PDB file of N, CA and C in Angstrom:
ATOM      1  N   UNK A   1     104.961  95.458  97.545  1.00  0.00           N
ATOM      2  CA  UNK A   1     104.347  95.837  96.287  1.00  0.00           C
ATOM      3  C   UNK A   1     104.471  97.353  96.156  1.00  0.00           C
ATOM      4  N   UNK A   2     104.875  97.822  95.008  1.00  0.00           N
ATOM      5  CA  UNK A   2     105.009  99.256  94.803  1.00  0.00           C
ATOM      6  C   UNK A   2     103.978  99.747  93.801  1.00  0.00           C
ATOM      7  N   UNK A   3     103.748 101.027  93.846  1.00  0.00           N
ATOM      8  CA  UNK A   3     102.802 101.653  92.934  1.00  0.00           C
ATOM      9  C   UNK A   3     103.388 101.647  91.532  1.00  0.00           C
ATOM     10  N   UNK A   4     102.666 101.096  90.576  1.00  0.00           N
ATOM     11  CA  UNK A   4     103.158 100.999  89.206  1.00  0.00           C
ATOM     12  C   UNK A   4     102.755 102.235  88.397  1.00  0.00           C
ATOM     13  N   UNK A   5     101.490 102.579  88.434  1.00  0.00           N
ATOM     14  CA  UNK A   5     101.015 103.715  87.642  1.00  0.00           C
ATOM     15  C   UNK A   5      99.657 104.154  88.141  1.00  0.00           C
ATOM     16  N   UNK A   6      99.353 105.389  87.909  1.00  0.00           N
ATOM     17  CA  UNK A   6      98.004 105.900  88.167  1.00  0.00           C
ATOM     18  C   UNK A   6      97.293 105.996  86.843  1.00  0.00           C
ATOM     19  N   UNK A   7      96.083 105.516  86.801  1.00  0.00           N
ATOM     20  CA  UNK A   7      95.273 105.605  85.592  1.00  0.00           C
ATOM     21  C   UNK A   7      94.278 106.739  85.795  1.00  0.00           C
ATOM     22  N   UNK A   8      94.302 107.755  84.932  1.00  0.00           N
ATOM     23  CA  UNK A   8      93.321 108.833  85.104  1.00  0.00           C
ATOM     24  C   UNK A   8      91.902 108.303  84.909  1.00  0.00           C
ATOM     25  N   UNK A   9      91.024 108.696  85.784  1.00  0.00           N
ATOM     26  CA  UNK A   9      89.636 108.238  85.727  1.00  0.00           C
ATOM     27  C   UNK A   9      88.733 109.417  85.421  1.00  0.00           C
ATOM     28  N   UNK A  10      87.783 109.196  84.567  1.00  0.00           N
ATOM     29  CA  UNK A  10      86.760 110.193  84.299  1.00  0.00           C
ATOM     30  C   UNK A  10      85.513 109.720  85.025  1.00  0.00           C
ATOM     31  N   UNK A  11      85.045 110.509  85.970  1.00  0.00           N
ATOM     32  CA  UNK A  11      83.904 110.123  86.779  1.00  0.00           C
ATOM     33  C   UNK A  11      82.622 110.364  86.001  1.00  0.00           C
ATOM     34  N   UNK A  12      81.837 109.345  85.895  1.00  0.00           N
ATOM     35  CA  UNK A  12      80.551 109.441  85.209  1.00  0.00           C
ATOM     36  C   UNK A  12      79.483 108.848  86.099  1.00  0.00           C
ATOM     37  N   UNK A  13      78.512 109.632  86.465  1.00  0.00           N
ATOM     38  CA  UNK A  13      77.443 109.151  87.323  1.00  0.00           C
ATOM     39  C   UNK A  13      76.387 108.390  86.530  1.00  0.00           C
ATOM     40  N   UNK A  14      76.439 108.441  85.219  1.00  0.00           N
ATOM     41  CA  UNK A  14      75.361 107.878  84.412  1.00  0.00           C
ATOM     42  C   UNK A  14      75.653 106.500  83.841  1.00  0.00           C
ATOM     43  N   UNK A  15      76.901 106.072  83.829  1.00  0.00           N
ATOM     44  CA  UNK A  15      77.176 104.762  83.253  1.00  0.00           C
ATOM     45  C   UNK A  15      78.274 104.066  84.052  1.00  0.00           C
ATOM     46  N   UNK A  16      78.273 102.757  83.955  1.00  0.00           N
ATOM     47  CA  UNK A  16      79.283 101.961  84.620  1.00  0.00           C
ATOM     48  C   UNK A  16      80.236 101.418  83.571  1.00  0.00           C
ATOM     49  N   UNK A  17      81.502 101.362  83.927  1.00  0.00           N
ATOM     50  CA  UNK A  17      82.495 100.828  83.013  1.00  0.00           C
ATOM     51  C   UNK A  17      83.650 100.270  83.838  1.00  0.00           C
ATOM     52  N   UNK A  18      84.312  99.234  83.325  1.00  0.00           N
ATOM     53  CA  UNK A  18      85.451  98.675  84.059  1.00  0.00           C
ATOM     54  C   UNK A  18      86.630  99.633  84.012  1.00  0.00           C
ATOM     55  N   UNK A  19      87.373  99.672  85.111  1.00  0.00           N
ATOM     56  CA  UNK A  19      88.536 100.532  85.211  1.00  0.00           C
ATOM     57  C   UNK A  19      89.690  99.710  85.761  1.00  0.00           C
ATOM     58  N   UNK A  20      90.847  99.825  85.161  1.00  0.00           N
ATOM     59  CA  UNK A  20      92.033  99.148  85.675  1.00  0.00           C
ATOM     60  C   UNK A  20      92.912 100.185  86.361  1.00  0.00           C
ATOM     61  N   UNK A  21      93.215  99.944  87.615  1.00  0.00           N
ATOM     62  CA  UNK A  21      94.047 100.850  88.397  1.00  0.00           C
ATOM     63  C   UNK A  21      95.113 100.022  89.085  1.00  0.00           C
ATOM     64  N   UNK A  22      96.343 100.473  89.051  1.00  0.00           N
ATOM     65  CA  UNK A  22      97.426  99.801  89.762  1.00  0.00           C
ATOM     66  C   UNK A  22      97.565 100.442  91.133  1.00  0.00           C
ATOM     67  N   UNK A  23      97.487  99.621  92.177  1.00  0.00           N
ATOM     68  CA  UNK A  23      97.544 100.121  93.549  1.00  0.00           C
ATOM     69  C   UNK A  23      98.696  99.486  94.297  1.00  0.00           C
ATOM     70  N   UNK A  24      99.255 100.233  95.224  1.00  0.00           N
ATOM     71  CA  UNK A  24     100.241  99.651  96.120  1.00  0.00           C
ATOM     72  C   UNK A  24      99.501  98.831  97.169  1.00  0.00           C
ATOM     73  N   UNK A  25     100.221  98.008  97.895  1.00  0.00           N
ATOM     74  CA  UNK A  25      99.600  97.250  98.974  1.00  0.00           C
ATOM     75  C   UNK A  25      98.975  98.169 100.003  1.00  0.00           C
ATOM     76  N   UNK A  26      99.623  99.275 100.274  1.00  0.00           N
ATOM     77  CA  UNK A  26      99.102 100.267 101.233  1.00  0.00           C
ATOM     78  C   UNK A  26      97.817 100.910 100.719  1.00  0.00           C
ATOM     79  N   UNK A  27      97.801 101.246  99.406  1.00  0.00           N
ATOM     80  CA  UNK A  27      96.584 101.800  98.796  1.00  0.00           C
ATOM     81  C   UNK A  27      95.415 100.841  98.955  1.00  0.00           C
ATOM     82  N   UNK A  28      95.657  99.575  98.594  1.00  0.00           N
ATOM     83  CA  UNK A  28      94.603  98.575  98.646  1.00  0.00           C
ATOM     84  C   UNK A  28      94.113  98.372 100.079  1.00  0.00           C
ATOM     85  N   UNK A  29      95.034  98.314 101.032  1.00  0.00           N
ATOM     86  CA  UNK A  29      94.654  98.140 102.434  1.00  0.00           C
ATOM     87  C   UNK A  29      93.784  99.299 102.908  1.00  0.00           C
ATOM     88  N   UNK A  30      94.122 100.512 102.494  1.00  0.00           N
ATOM     89  CA  UNK A  30      93.335 101.690 102.881  1.00  0.00           C
ATOM     90  C   UNK A  30      91.949 101.647 102.262  1.00  0.00           C
ATOM     91  N   UNK A  31      91.865 101.267 100.995  1.00  0.00           N
ATOM     92  CA  UNK A  31      90.565 101.169 100.317  1.00  0.00           C
ATOM     93  C   UNK A  31      89.695 100.108 100.978  1.00  0.00           C
ATOM     94  N   UNK A  32      90.282  98.957 101.281  1.00  0.00           N
ATOM     95  CA  UNK A  32      89.514  97.889 101.933  1.00  0.00           C
ATOM     96  C   UNK A  32      89.046  98.322 103.314  1.00  0.00           C
ATOM     97  N   UNK A  33      89.914  99.004 104.066  1.00  0.00           N
ATOM     98  CA  UNK A  33      89.519  99.492 105.399  1.00  0.00           C
ATOM     99  C   UNK A  33      88.387 100.511 105.288  1.00  0.00           C
ATOM    100  N   UNK A  34      88.472 101.401 104.293  1.00  0.00           N
ATOM    101  CA  UNK A  34      87.417 102.402 104.101  1.00  0.00           C
ATOM    102  C   UNK A  34      86.095 101.741 103.718  1.00  0.00           C
ATOM    103  N   UNK A  35      86.167 100.725 102.856  1.00  0.00           N
ATOM    104  CA  UNK A  35      84.950 100.001 102.477  1.00  0.00           C
ATOM    105  C   UNK A  35      84.325  99.301 103.679  1.00  0.00           C
ATOM    106  N   UNK A  36      85.149  98.694 104.511  1.00  0.00           N
ATOM    107  CA  UNK A  36      84.620  98.017 105.710  1.00  0.00           C
ATOM    108  C   UNK A  36      84.021  99.028 106.681  1.00  0.00           C
ATOM    109  N   UNK A  37      84.649 100.199 106.793  1.00  0.00           N
ATOM    110  CA  UNK A  37      84.096 101.266 107.636  1.00  0.00           C
ATOM    111  C   UNK A  37      82.740 101.711 107.090  1.00  0.00           C
ATOM    112  N   UNK A  38      82.687 101.920 105.783  1.00  0.00           N
ATOM    113  CA  UNK A  38      81.430 102.314 105.125  1.00  0.00           C
ATOM    114  C   UNK A  38      80.360 101.239 105.337  1.00  0.00           C
ATOM    115  N   UNK A  39      80.767  99.982 105.209  1.00  0.00           N
ATOM    116  CA  UNK A  39      79.846  98.863 105.393  1.00  0.00           C
ATOM    117  C   UNK A  39      79.256  98.875 106.802  1.00  0.00           C
ATOM    118  N   UNK A  40      80.095  99.087 107.800  1.00  0.00           N
ATOM    119  CA  UNK A  40      79.621  99.132 109.184  1.00  0.00           C
ATOM    120  C   UNK A  40      78.696 100.320 109.398  1.00  0.00           C
ATOM    121  N   UNK A  41      79.044 101.464 108.802  1.00  0.00           N
ATOM    122  CA  UNK A  41      78.194 102.645 108.916  1.00  0.00           C
ATOM    123  C   UNK A  41      76.826 102.389 108.300  1.00  0.00           C
ATOM    124  N   UNK A  42      76.804 101.728 107.139  1.00  0.00           N
ATOM    125  CA  UNK A  42      75.516 101.405 106.514  1.00  0.00           C
ATOM    126  C   UNK A  42      74.678 100.504 107.410  1.00  0.00           C
ATOM    127  N   UNK A  43      75.319  99.492 107.980  1.00  0.00           N
ATOM    128  CA  UNK A  43      74.593  98.571 108.864  1.00  0.00           C
ATOM    129  C   UNK A  43      74.053  99.318 110.078  1.00  0.00           C
ATOM    130  N   UNK A  44      74.864 100.197 110.666  1.00  0.00           N
ATOM    131  CA  UNK A  44      74.423 100.972 111.829  1.00  0.00           C
ATOM    132  C   UNK A  44      73.308 101.942 111.460  1.00  0.00           C
ATOM    133  N   UNK A  45      73.447 102.620 110.311  1.00  0.00           N
ATOM    134  CA  UNK A  45      72.435 103.591 109.896  1.00  0.00           C
ATOM    135  C   UNK A  45      71.143 102.928 109.461  1.00  0.00           C
ATOM    136  N   UNK A  46      71.226 101.749 108.853  1.00  0.00           N
ATOM    137  CA  UNK A  46      70.009 101.021 108.504  1.00  0.00           C
ATOM    138  C   UNK A  46      69.224 100.680 109.759  1.00  0.00           C
ATOM    139  N   UNK A  47      69.934 100.277 110.802  1.00  0.00           N
ATOM    140  CA  UNK A  47      69.277  99.935 112.067  1.00  0.00           C
ATOM    141  C   UNK A  47      68.650 101.167 112.704  1.00  0.00           C
ATOM    142  N   UNK A  48      69.315 102.318 112.542  1.00  0.00           N
ATOM    143  CA  UNK A  48      68.812 103.555 113.143  1.00  0.00           C
ATOM    144  C   UNK A  48      67.862 104.312 112.227  1.00  0.00           C
ATOM    145  N   UNK A  49      67.780 103.906 110.958  1.00  0.00           N
ATOM    146  CA  UNK A  49      66.910 104.585 110.003  1.00  0.00           C
ATOM    147  C   UNK A  49      67.535 105.818 109.380  1.00  0.00           C
ATOM    148  N   UNK A  50      68.849 106.009 109.569  1.00  0.00           N
ATOM    149  CA  UNK A  50      69.554 107.154 108.984  1.00  0.00           C
ATOM    150  C   UNK A  50      70.019 106.810 107.579  1.00  0.00           C
ATOM    151  N   UNK A  51      70.425 107.823 106.828  1.00  0.00           N
ATOM    152  CA  UNK A  51      70.962 107.615 105.489  1.00  0.00           C
ATOM    153  C   UNK A  51      72.465 107.433 105.519  1.00  0.00           C
ATOM    154  N   UNK A  52      73.083 107.360 104.339  1.00  0.00           N
ATOM    155  CA  UNK A  52      74.531 107.188 104.270  1.00  0.00           C
ATOM    156  C   UNK A  52      75.268 108.418 104.805  1.00  0.00           C
ATOM    157  N   UNK A  53      76.533 108.224 105.186  1.00  0.00           N
ATOM    158  CA  UNK A  53      77.307 109.316 105.772  1.00  0.00           C
ATOM    159  C   UNK A  53      77.716 110.372 104.754  1.00  0.00           C
ATOM    160  N   UNK A  54      77.700 110.062 103.474  1.00  0.00           N
ATOM    161  CA  UNK A  54      78.077 111.015 102.422  1.00  0.00           C
ATOM    162  C   UNK A  54      76.995 111.082 101.350  1.00  0.00           C
ATOM    163  N   UNK A  55      75.850 111.628 101.674  1.00  0.00           N
ATOM    164  CA  UNK A  55      74.748 111.616 100.708  1.00  0.00           C
ATOM    165  C   UNK A  55      75.031 112.417  99.439  1.00  0.00           C
ATOM    166  N   UNK A  56      75.987 113.352  99.465  1.00  0.00           N
ATOM    167  CA  UNK A  56      76.268 114.166  98.279  1.00  0.00           C
ATOM    168  C   UNK A  56      76.848 113.352  97.121  1.00  0.00           C
ATOM    169  N   UNK A  57      77.290 112.134  97.392  1.00  0.00           N
ATOM    170  CA  UNK A  57      77.834 111.281  96.332  1.00  0.00           C
ATOM    171  C   UNK A  57      76.763 110.445  95.631  1.00  0.00           C
ATOM    172  N   UNK A  58      75.547 110.491  96.121  1.00  0.00           N
ATOM    173  CA  UNK A  58      74.500 109.611  95.608  1.00  0.00           C
ATOM    174  C   UNK A  58      73.286 110.407  95.173  1.00  0.00           C
ATOM    175  N   UNK A  59      72.521 109.801  94.268  1.00  0.00           N
ATOM    176  CA  UNK A  59      71.269 110.389  93.823  1.00  0.00           C
ATOM    177  C   UNK A  59      70.329 109.256  93.430  1.00  0.00           C
ATOM    178  N   UNK A  60      69.281 109.547  92.669  1.00  0.00           N
ATOM    179  CA  UNK A  60      68.327 108.507  92.277  1.00  0.00           C
ATOM    180  C   UNK A  60      68.944 107.468  91.341  1.00  0.00           C
ATOM    181  N   UNK A  61      69.940 107.874  90.554  1.00  0.00           N
ATOM    182  CA  UNK A  61      70.582 106.963  89.602  1.00  0.00           C
ATOM    183  C   UNK A  61      71.748 106.201  90.215  1.00  0.00           C
ATOM    184  N   UNK A  62      72.467 106.826  91.125  1.00  0.00           N
ATOM    185  CA  UNK A  62      73.649 106.228  91.744  1.00  0.00           C
ATOM    186  C   UNK A  62      73.367 106.060  93.233  1.00  0.00           C
ATOM    187  N   UNK A  63      73.146 104.826  93.628  1.00  0.00           N
ATOM    188  CA  UNK A  63      72.835 104.535  95.025  1.00  0.00           C
ATOM    189  C   UNK A  63      74.016 103.814  95.673  1.00  0.00           C
ATOM    190  N   UNK A  64      74.148 103.911  96.999  1.00  0.00           N
ATOM    191  CA  UNK A  64      75.266 103.230  97.664  1.00  0.00           C
ATOM    192  C   UNK A  64      75.141 101.716  97.534  1.00  0.00           C
ATOM    193  N   UNK A  65      76.277 101.060  97.546  1.00  0.00           N
ATOM    194  CA  UNK A  65      76.267  99.602  97.598  1.00  0.00           C
ATOM    195  C   UNK A  65      75.649  99.151  98.909  1.00  0.00           C
ATOM    196  N   UNK A  66      75.009  98.008  98.882  1.00  0.00           N
ATOM    197  CA  UNK A  66      74.455  97.435 100.111  1.00  0.00           C
ATOM    198  C   UNK A  66      75.585  96.786 100.909  1.00  0.00           C
ATOM    199  N   UNK A  67      75.287  96.384 102.131  1.00  0.00           N
ATOM    200  CA  UNK A  67      76.259  95.694 102.966  1.00  0.00           C
ATOM    201  C   UNK A  67      76.781  94.451 102.246  1.00  0.00           C
ATOM    202  N   UNK A  68      75.886  93.712 101.618  1.00  0.00           N
ATOM    203  CA  UNK A  68      76.273  92.494 100.898  1.00  0.00           C
ATOM    204  C   UNK A  68      77.118  92.814  99.668  1.00  0.00           C
ATOM    205  N   UNK A  69      76.765  93.876  98.949  1.00  0.00           N
ATOM    206  CA  UNK A  69      77.533  94.264  97.762  1.00  0.00           C
ATOM    207  C   UNK A  69      78.941  94.724  98.133  1.00  0.00           C
ATOM    208  N   UNK A  70      79.084  95.371  99.283  1.00  0.00           N
ATOM    209  CA  UNK A  70      80.417  95.776  99.746  1.00  0.00           C
ATOM    210  C   UNK A  70      81.253  94.535 100.044  1.00  0.00           C
ATOM    211  N   UNK A  71      80.637  93.518 100.652  1.00  0.00           N
ATOM    212  CA  UNK A  71      81.342  92.247 100.869  1.00  0.00           C
ATOM    213  C   UNK A  71      81.864  91.684  99.552  1.00  0.00           C
ATOM    214  N   UNK A  72      81.008  91.661  98.536  1.00  0.00           N
ATOM    215  CA  UNK A  72      81.392  91.133  97.228  1.00  0.00           C
ATOM    216  C   UNK A  72      82.525  91.951  96.612  1.00  0.00           C
ATOM    217  N   UNK A  73      82.447  93.275  96.729  1.00  0.00           N
ATOM    218  CA  UNK A  73      83.493  94.131  96.182  1.00  0.00           C
ATOM    219  C   UNK A  73      84.822  93.893  96.898  1.00  0.00           C
ATOM    220  N   UNK A  74      84.796  93.796  98.209  1.00  0.00           N
ATOM    221  CA  UNK A  74      86.023  93.513  98.969  1.00  0.00           C
ATOM    222  C   UNK A  74      86.615  92.179  98.565  1.00  0.00           C
ATOM    223  N   UNK A  75      85.766  91.185  98.369  1.00  0.00           N
ATOM    224  CA  UNK A  75      86.253  89.877  97.911  1.00  0.00           C
ATOM    225  C   UNK A  75      86.921  89.986  96.537  1.00  0.00           C
ATOM    226  N   UNK A  76      86.278  90.718  95.624  1.00  0.00           N
ATOM    227  CA  UNK A  76      86.859  90.878  94.288  1.00  0.00           C
ATOM    228  C   UNK A  76      88.203  91.595  94.363  1.00  0.00           C
ATOM    229  N   UNK A  77      88.280  92.634  95.184  1.00  0.00           N
ATOM    230  CA  UNK A  77      89.542  93.364  95.318  1.00  0.00           C
ATOM    231  C   UNK A  77      90.627  92.486  95.927  1.00  0.00           C
ATOM    232  N   UNK A  78      90.260  91.695  96.925  1.00  0.00           N
ATOM    233  CA  UNK A  78      91.229  90.793  97.559  1.00  0.00           C
ATOM    234  C   UNK A  78      91.693  89.706  96.592  1.00  0.00           C
ATOM    235  N   UNK A  79      90.767  89.116  95.847  1.00  0.00           N
ATOM    236  CA  UNK A  79      91.122  88.029  94.916  1.00  0.00           C
ATOM    237  C   UNK A  79      91.912  88.547  93.740  1.00  0.00           C
ATOM    238  N   UNK A  80      91.553  89.715  93.230  1.00  0.00           N
ATOM    239  CA  UNK A  80      92.234  90.274  92.068  1.00  0.00           C
ATOM    240  C   UNK A  80      93.635  90.770  92.404  1.00  0.00           C
ATOM    241  N   UNK A  81      93.919  90.971  93.689  1.00  0.00           N
ATOM    242  CA  UNK A  81      95.231  91.504  94.063  1.00  0.00           C
ATOM    243  C   UNK A  81      96.270  90.415  94.247  1.00  0.00           C
ATOM    244  N   UNK A  82      95.851  89.138  94.228  1.00  0.00           N
ATOM    245  CA  UNK A  82      96.801  88.030  94.416  1.00  0.00           C
ATOM    246  C   UNK A  82      97.637  87.780  93.187  1.00  0.00           C
TER     247      UNK A  82
END
């Protein structure tokens, strides 16, 4: 699978909107690996009582996905890539 196009994204912390992005197989594999790493970090930090590894990306309005939500997102990414 090759990269078809990059879609410019405007980051908005205040609203959610669907975004279509074309990814290569390598891009998708890296994103899924990063999500699984983040998921494991959340599980480890929840057990230890620590916060997320990148708190600067979150605030009262934008909170990290839970371990379960990351599972759902990975499933959606895997299913949508077929």
